[in-house]
Amino acid sequence: MLNIKRMDQIPNETIYKITSTTPLITRVRAHQLKLLGHILCLKDDEPAKEYALYILSHGNRKPGRPRMLYLQCIQHYTSKEILKGLLQPNKIAMLVQDRGNWRKLVATCSA
């Protein structure tokens, strides 16, 4: 479509500007944070809300690099650009209660 070949060695950022699109990972990240916001606004007795920010406190892990848990991914997304530190689960739940600030956080974390 753009008549760009692999041998041209054009960076992805340039192609994103030409096509006026964003990388897929930023859209996925924004959708994950929006979904978390919806889940944390549910009633307290909902299973999805109970396990959205669940911290595993038992069990053994296999040798090798530890897997990144869902909570760790969310902490990584939210701490990267704004807060310069990992958010605790209760702090994330408090941020979700203020819709305006949560939307700003989602927009800046996925930008």
Protein backbone atom coordinates (compact mmCIF):
# COMPACT_ATOMS: atom_id res chain seq x y z
CA MET A 1 0.00 0.00 0.00
CA LEU A 2 2.71 2.49 0.94
CA ASN A 3 5.23 0.95 -1.45
CA ILE A 4 7.67 0.49 1.43
CA LYS A 5 9.90 -2.52 1.31
CA ARG A 6 11.71 -4.22 4.12
CA MET A 7 15.05 -3.29 2.62
CA ASP A 8 14.20 0.43 2.96
CA GLN A 9 14.81 0.17 6.71
CA ILE A 10 12.22 2.74 7.73
CA PRO A 11 11.58 2.89 11.50
CA ASN A 12 8.16 1.94 12.83
CA GLU A 13 7.60 5.41 14.29
CA THR A 14 7.86 6.92 10.82
CA ILE A 15 5.33 4.46 9.43
CA TYR A 16 2.98 5.19 12.34
CA LYS A 17 3.18 8.92 11.52
CA ILE A 18 2.58 8.34 7.81
CA THR A 19 -0.46 6.15 8.44
CA SER A 20 -1.57 8.19 11.50
CA THR A 21 -1.96 5.09 13.65
CA THR A 22 -0.66 3.97 17.02
CA PRO A 23 1.14 0.76 17.93
CA LEU A 24 -1.12 -2.13 18.84
CA ILE A 25 0.45 -2.54 22.29
CA THR A 26 -0.67 0.94 23.33
CA ARG A 27 -4.26 0.18 22.36
CA VAL A 28 -4.19 -3.15 24.19
CA ARG A 29 -2.73 -1.46 27.27
CA ALA A 30 -5.50 1.17 27.24
CA HIS A 31 -8.21 -1.48 26.89
CA GLN A 32 -6.73 -3.48 29.77
CA LEU A 33 -6.77 -0.44 32.05
CA LYS A 34 -10.32 0.49 31.00
CA LEU A 35 -11.49 -3.06 31.72
CA LEU A 36 -9.84 -2.95 35.14
CA GLY A 37 -11.68 0.30 35.82
CA HIS A 38 -15.01 -1.33 34.98
CA ILE A 39 -14.23 -4.39 37.11
CA LEU A 40 -13.20 -2.35 40.15
CA CYS A 41 -16.47 -0.39 40.00
CA LEU A 42 -18.51 -3.58 40.50
CA LYS A 43 -20.05 -4.61 43.82
CA ASP A 44 -17.63 -5.89 46.44
CA ASP A 45 -19.01 -9.44 46.41
CA GLU A 46 -18.42 -9.97 42.67
CA PRO A 47 -15.76 -12.62 41.97
CA ALA A 48 -14.19 -10.54 39.20
CA LYS A 49 -13.60 -7.67 41.60
CA GLU A 50 -12.22 -9.95 44.31
CA TYR A 51 -9.62 -11.43 41.97
CA ALA A 52 -8.79 -8.37 39.85
CA LEU A 53 -6.11 -7.19 42.29
CA TYR A 54 -5.47 -10.55 43.94
CA ILE A 55 -2.04 -11.12 45.47
CA LEU A 56 -0.93 -14.74 45.60
CA SER A 57 0.34 -15.52 49.09
CA HIS A 58 1.04 -19.23 48.88
CA GLY A 59 2.52 -21.89 46.60
CA ASN A 60 5.86 -22.64 45.05
CA ARG A 61 7.18 -21.32 41.80
CA LYS A 62 9.16 -23.16 39.20
CA PRO A 63 12.86 -22.43 38.70
CA GLY A 64 13.73 -19.69 36.25
CA ARG A 65 12.39 -16.23 35.60
CA PRO A 66 9.22 -15.52 37.59
CA ARG A 67 6.11 -14.99 35.52
CA MET A 68 4.59 -11.54 35.56
CA LEU A 69 1.20 -11.59 37.25
CA TYR A 70 -1.75 -9.48 36.08
CA LEU A 71 -1.38 -7.14 39.04
CA GLN A 72 2.30 -6.64 38.26
CA CYS A 73 1.42 -5.75 34.65
CA ILE A 74 -1.10 -3.15 35.83
CA GLN A 75 1.41 -1.74 38.31
CA HIS A 76 4.00 -1.55 35.57
CA TYR A 77 1.61 0.23 33.17
CA THR A 78 0.47 2.80 35.72
CA SER A 79 3.84 3.50 37.29
CA LYS A 80 5.86 3.87 34.13
CA GLU A 81 5.14 7.43 33.12
CA ILE A 82 3.19 9.16 35.85
CA LEU A 83 3.93 8.09 39.36
CA LYS A 84 7.51 6.80 39.06
CA GLY A 85 6.80 3.98 41.49
CA LEU A 86 4.65 0.89 41.85
CA LEU A 87 1.10 1.43 43.02
CA GLN A 88 -0.31 -0.81 45.70
CA PRO A 89 -3.63 -2.57 44.95
CA ASN A 90 -5.60 -0.40 47.39
CA LYS A 91 -4.19 2.77 45.76
CA ILE A 92 -5.23 1.50 42.31
CA ALA A 93 -8.74 0.80 43.63
CA MET A 94 -8.91 4.35 45.03
CA LEU A 95 -7.78 5.86 41.72
CA VAL A 96 -10.53 4.01 39.86
CA GLN A 97 -13.23 5.57 42.04
CA ASP A 98 -12.46 9.01 40.58
CA ARG A 99 -13.45 8.55 36.93
CA GLY A 100 -11.88 11.74 35.64
CA ASN A 101 -8.46 11.00 37.07
CA TRP A 102 -8.65 7.35 36.02
CA ARG A 103 -9.41 8.36 32.42
CA LYS A 104 -6.45 10.76 32.47
CA LEU A 105 -4.25 7.98 33.87
CA VAL A 106 -5.39 5.55 31.16
CA ALA A 107 -4.77 8.14 28.45
CA THR A 108 -1.27 8.99 29.65
CA CYS A 109 -0.25 5.39 30.33
CA SER A 110 -1.29 4.29 26.86
CA ALA A 111 0.19 7.27 25.03
